[in-house]
N, C-alpha and C. Protein backbone atom coordinates (compact mmCIF):
# COMPACT_ATOMS: atom_id res chain seq x y z
N MET A 1 112.94 152.17 114.80
CA MET A 1 113.73 152.29 115.91
C MET A 1 114.19 151.21 115.95
N ASP A 2 114.56 150.51 115.05
CA ASP A 2 114.94 148.76 115.31
C ASP A 2 117.08 149.07 115.19
N GLU A 3 116.92 149.89 115.35
CA GLU A 3 118.25 150.18 114.69
C GLU A 3 119.19 149.85 116.47
N VAL A 4 120.33 149.31 115.91
CA VAL A 4 121.07 149.25 116.88
C VAL A 4 122.07 150.58 117.36
N PRO A 5 121.83 151.40 118.21
CA PRO A 5 122.83 152.34 118.67
C PRO A 5 124.33 151.59 118.47
N GLU A 6 125.17 153.11 118.13
CA GLU A 6 127.00 152.28 117.98
C GLU A 6 127.45 153.74 118.63
N THR A 7 126.88 154.81 118.26
CA THR A 7 127.51 155.84 119.55
C THR A 7 126.93 156.50 120.30
N ALA A 8 127.03 157.28 120.96
CA ALA A 8 126.59 158.60 121.82
C ALA A 8 125.46 159.23 121.50
N LEU A 9 126.25 159.85 119.65
CA LEU A 9 125.31 160.51 118.60
C LEU A 9 124.22 159.51 118.36
N ASP A 10 124.42 158.30 118.12
CA ASP A 10 123.09 157.12 117.73
C ASP A 10 122.30 157.02 119.07
N LEU A 11 122.77 157.49 119.98
CA LEU A 11 122.20 157.13 121.28
C LEU A 11 121.18 158.26 121.66
N ALA A 12 122.00 159.50 121.25
CA ALA A 12 121.02 160.78 121.87
C ALA A 12 119.57 161.08 120.34
N ARG A 13 120.23 160.27 119.38
CA ARG A 13 119.42 161.10 118.14
C ARG A 13 118.06 159.76 118.36
N LEU A 14 118.88 158.60 118.64
CA LEU A 14 117.28 157.63 119.25
C LEU A 14 116.54 158.32 120.55
N ASP A 15 117.12 158.87 121.27
CA ASP A 15 116.24 159.16 122.10
C ASP A 15 115.38 160.77 122.09
N LEU A 16 115.99 161.67 120.93
CA LEU A 16 115.20 162.59 120.34
C LEU A 16 113.87 162.02 120.06
N ALA A 17 114.19 161.40 119.01
CA ALA A 17 113.73 160.38 118.26
C ALA A 17 112.17 159.86 119.19
N ARG A 18 112.25 159.46 120.49
CA ARG A 18 111.75 158.85 121.16
C ARG A 18 110.90 159.90 121.69
N LEU A 19 111.28 161.48 122.27
CA LEU A 19 110.95 161.99 122.60
C LEU A 19 109.71 162.84 121.92
N VAL A 20 110.37 163.18 121.40
CA VAL A 20 109.45 163.63 119.73
C VAL A 20 107.71 163.19 119.76
N ASP A 21 108.23 161.32 119.75
CA ASP A 21 106.68 160.55 119.60
C ASP A 21 105.73 160.99 120.67
N GLU A 22 106.59 160.84 121.68
CA GLU A 22 105.83 161.24 123.10
C GLU A 22 105.18 162.57 123.20
N LEU A 23 105.72 163.46 122.76
CA LEU A 23 105.12 164.94 122.63
C LEU A 23 104.05 164.75 121.35
N THR A 24 104.24 164.08 120.84
CA THR A 24 103.29 164.23 119.70
C THR A 24 102.09 163.56 120.06
N VAL A 25 102.24 162.52 120.94
CA VAL A 25 101.13 161.66 121.36
C VAL A 25 100.44 162.40 122.65
N LEU A 26 101.09 163.49 123.15
CA LEU A 26 100.70 164.21 124.30
C LEU A 26 99.49 165.76 123.85
N ASP A 27 100.52 166.07 122.67
CA ASP A 27 99.91 166.60 122.14
C ASP A 27 98.31 166.88 121.62
N GLN A 28 98.36 165.46 120.75
CA GLN A 28 96.53 165.00 119.96
C GLN A 28 96.21 165.01 121.52
N ARG A 29 96.16 164.41 122.79
CA ARG A 29 95.84 164.39 123.75
C ARG A 29 94.98 165.43 124.40
N ARG A 30 96.30 166.69 124.19
CA ARG A 30 95.77 167.50 124.51
C ARG A 30 94.58 168.51 123.88
N VAL A 31 94.90 168.20 122.50
CA VAL A 31 94.21 168.31 121.42
C VAL A 31 92.65 168.46 121.71
N ASP A 32 92.87 166.43 121.99
CA ASP A 32 91.72 165.68 122.26
C ASP A 32 90.44 166.12 123.67
N ILE A 33 91.34 166.39 124.54
CA ILE A 33 90.63 166.87 125.46
C ILE A 33 90.15 168.85 125.46
N GLY A 34 90.83 169.63 125.13
CA GLY A 34 89.88 171.03 124.20
C GLY A 34 88.45 170.63 123.86
N GLU A 35 89.13 170.22 122.85
CA GLU A 35 87.40 169.66 122.27
C GLU A 35 86.21 168.91 122.82
N SER A 36 86.84 168.31 123.70
CA SER A 36 85.76 167.26 124.88
C SER A 36 84.99 168.43 125.59
N LEU A 37 86.01 169.75 126.30
CA LEU A 37 85.66 170.46 126.69
C LEU A 37 84.81 171.95 126.09
N VAL A 38 84.72 171.80 124.68
CA VAL A 38 84.21 173.16 124.30
C VAL A 38 83.05 172.41 124.03
N HIS A 39 82.72 170.96 123.93
CA HIS A 39 81.52 170.06 123.04
C HIS A 39 80.49 170.01 124.63
N LEU A 40 81.09 169.93 125.28
CA LEU A 40 80.48 169.86 127.37
C LEU A 40 80.14 171.32 126.98
N GLU A 41 80.72 172.41 126.83
CA GLU A 41 80.41 173.78 126.92
C GLU A 41 78.62 173.27 126.19
N TYR A 42 78.91 173.14 125.14
CA TYR A 42 77.78 173.37 123.79
C TYR A 42 76.73 172.65 124.20
N LEU A 43 77.18 171.13 125.10
CA LEU A 43 76.16 170.29 125.79
C LEU A 43 75.47 171.23 126.80
N TYR A 44 75.81 171.46 127.76
CA TYR A 44 75.40 171.94 128.60
C TYR A 44 74.72 173.54 128.75
N SER A 45 75.33 174.08 127.25
CA SER A 45 74.46 175.53 127.05
C SER A 45 73.07 175.16 126.53
N ARG A 46 73.36 174.07 125.74
CA ARG A 46 72.04 173.79 125.44
C ARG A 46 70.72 172.76 126.41
N MET A 47 71.35 172.87 127.75
CA MET A 47 70.37 172.05 128.35
C MET A 47 70.20 172.89 129.29
N GLY A 48 70.61 174.23 128.89
CA GLY A 48 69.90 175.88 130.40
C GLY A 48 70.76 175.02 131.06
N ALA A 49 72.09 174.28 131.58
CA ALA A 49 72.73 174.24 132.35
C ALA A 49 73.98 175.60 132.97
N ARG A 50 73.32 176.71 133.40
CA ARG A 50 74.74 177.47 132.60
C ARG A 50 75.39 178.02 133.87
N GLN A 51 75.64 177.15 134.62
CA GLN A 51 76.83 176.97 135.40
C GLN A 51 78.38 176.03 135.19
N GLN A 52 77.21 174.82 134.67
CA GLN A 52 78.31 173.47 134.29
C GLN A 52 78.61 174.58 133.27
N ALA A 53 77.67 175.26 132.31
CA ALA A 53 78.76 175.39 130.77
C ALA A 53 79.92 176.66 131.00
N ASP A 54 79.49 177.34 132.21
CA ASP A 54 80.46 178.47 132.43
C ASP A 54 81.43 177.66 132.86
N ALA A 55 81.69 176.41 133.59
CA ALA A 55 82.91 175.72 134.39
C ALA A 55 83.55 175.45 133.12
N ALA A 56 83.12 174.52 132.11
CA ALA A 56 83.61 173.66 131.34
C ALA A 56 84.37 175.11 130.60
N ARG A 57 84.07 175.78 129.80
CA ARG A 57 84.28 176.94 129.51
C ARG A 57 85.61 177.94 130.30
N LYS A 58 85.45 177.94 131.54
CA LYS A 58 86.38 178.69 132.37
C LYS A 58 87.91 176.91 131.87
N ALA A 59 87.51 176.35 132.05
CA ALA A 59 88.46 175.56 132.45
C ALA A 59 89.20 174.94 131.07
N PHE A 60 88.72 175.48 129.93
CA PHE A 60 89.09 175.44 128.63
C PHE A 60 89.89 176.73 128.86
N GLN A 61 89.46 178.03 129.13
CA GLN A 61 90.30 179.30 128.61
C GLN A 61 91.34 179.05 129.76
N GLU A 62 91.01 178.81 130.87
CA GLU A 62 92.30 178.63 131.93
C GLU A 62 93.25 177.61 131.73
N LYS A 63 93.25 176.42 131.46
CA LYS A 63 93.92 175.53 131.62
C LYS A 63 94.15 174.70 130.17
N TYR A 64 93.05 175.03 129.15
CA TYR A 64 93.93 174.57 127.65
C TYR A 64 94.63 176.09 127.52
N VAL A 65 94.10 177.31 127.03
CA VAL A 65 94.26 178.31 126.00
C VAL A 65 95.03 178.64 126.79
N GLY A 66 95.28 179.25 128.27
CA GLY A 66 96.27 179.69 129.19
C GLY A 66 97.25 179.12 129.23
N ARG A 67 97.79 177.78 129.03
CA ARG A 67 98.70 176.73 129.02
C ARG A 67 99.75 177.14 127.30
N ILE A 68 98.45 177.01 126.97
CA ILE A 68 98.99 177.31 125.29
C ILE A 68 99.78 178.35 125.14
N TYR A 69 99.13 179.76 125.68
CA TYR A 69 99.91 181.02 125.95
C TYR A 69 101.38 180.94 126.60
N GLU A 70 101.25 180.02 127.91
CA GLU A 70 102.61 179.44 128.43
C GLU A 70 103.56 179.44 127.83
N LEU A 71 103.49 178.19 126.54
CA LEU A 71 104.14 177.60 125.87
C LEU A 71 104.82 178.65 125.21
N ALA A 72 103.62 179.56 124.52
CA ALA A 72 104.20 180.58 123.38
C ALA A 72 105.31 181.33 123.96
N ASP A 73 104.62 181.80 124.56
CA ASP A 73 105.52 183.08 125.86
C ASP A 73 106.82 182.29 126.23
N GLY A 74 107.35 181.21 126.21
CA GLY A 74 108.83 180.27 126.99
C GLY A 74 109.04 180.11 125.63
N LEU A 75 108.39 179.88 124.82
CA LEU A 75 109.31 180.29 123.24
C LEU A 75 110.10 181.10 122.50
N ARG A 76 109.31 182.48 122.96
CA ARG A 76 109.95 183.67 122.38
C ARG A 76 110.97 184.25 123.74
N THR A 77 111.14 183.95 124.77
CA THR A 77 112.29 183.80 125.56
C THR A 77 113.81 183.38 125.17
């Protein structure tokens, strides 16, 4: 991205590349958070902390998986 933009189209291309890079980072962060929630649910279950395990599972299902379904529905329209 060290190119010097010459036209509005060049600026738009650079902006698109920047946004794609940002989305890639955000997507990886979301995956990492989902993995952490699953791991917490597992740990809590192993320790017999049923309420905490349920809370971690609920957060994963409602916030993580739920958002994926919302995004998929948006792509269909």
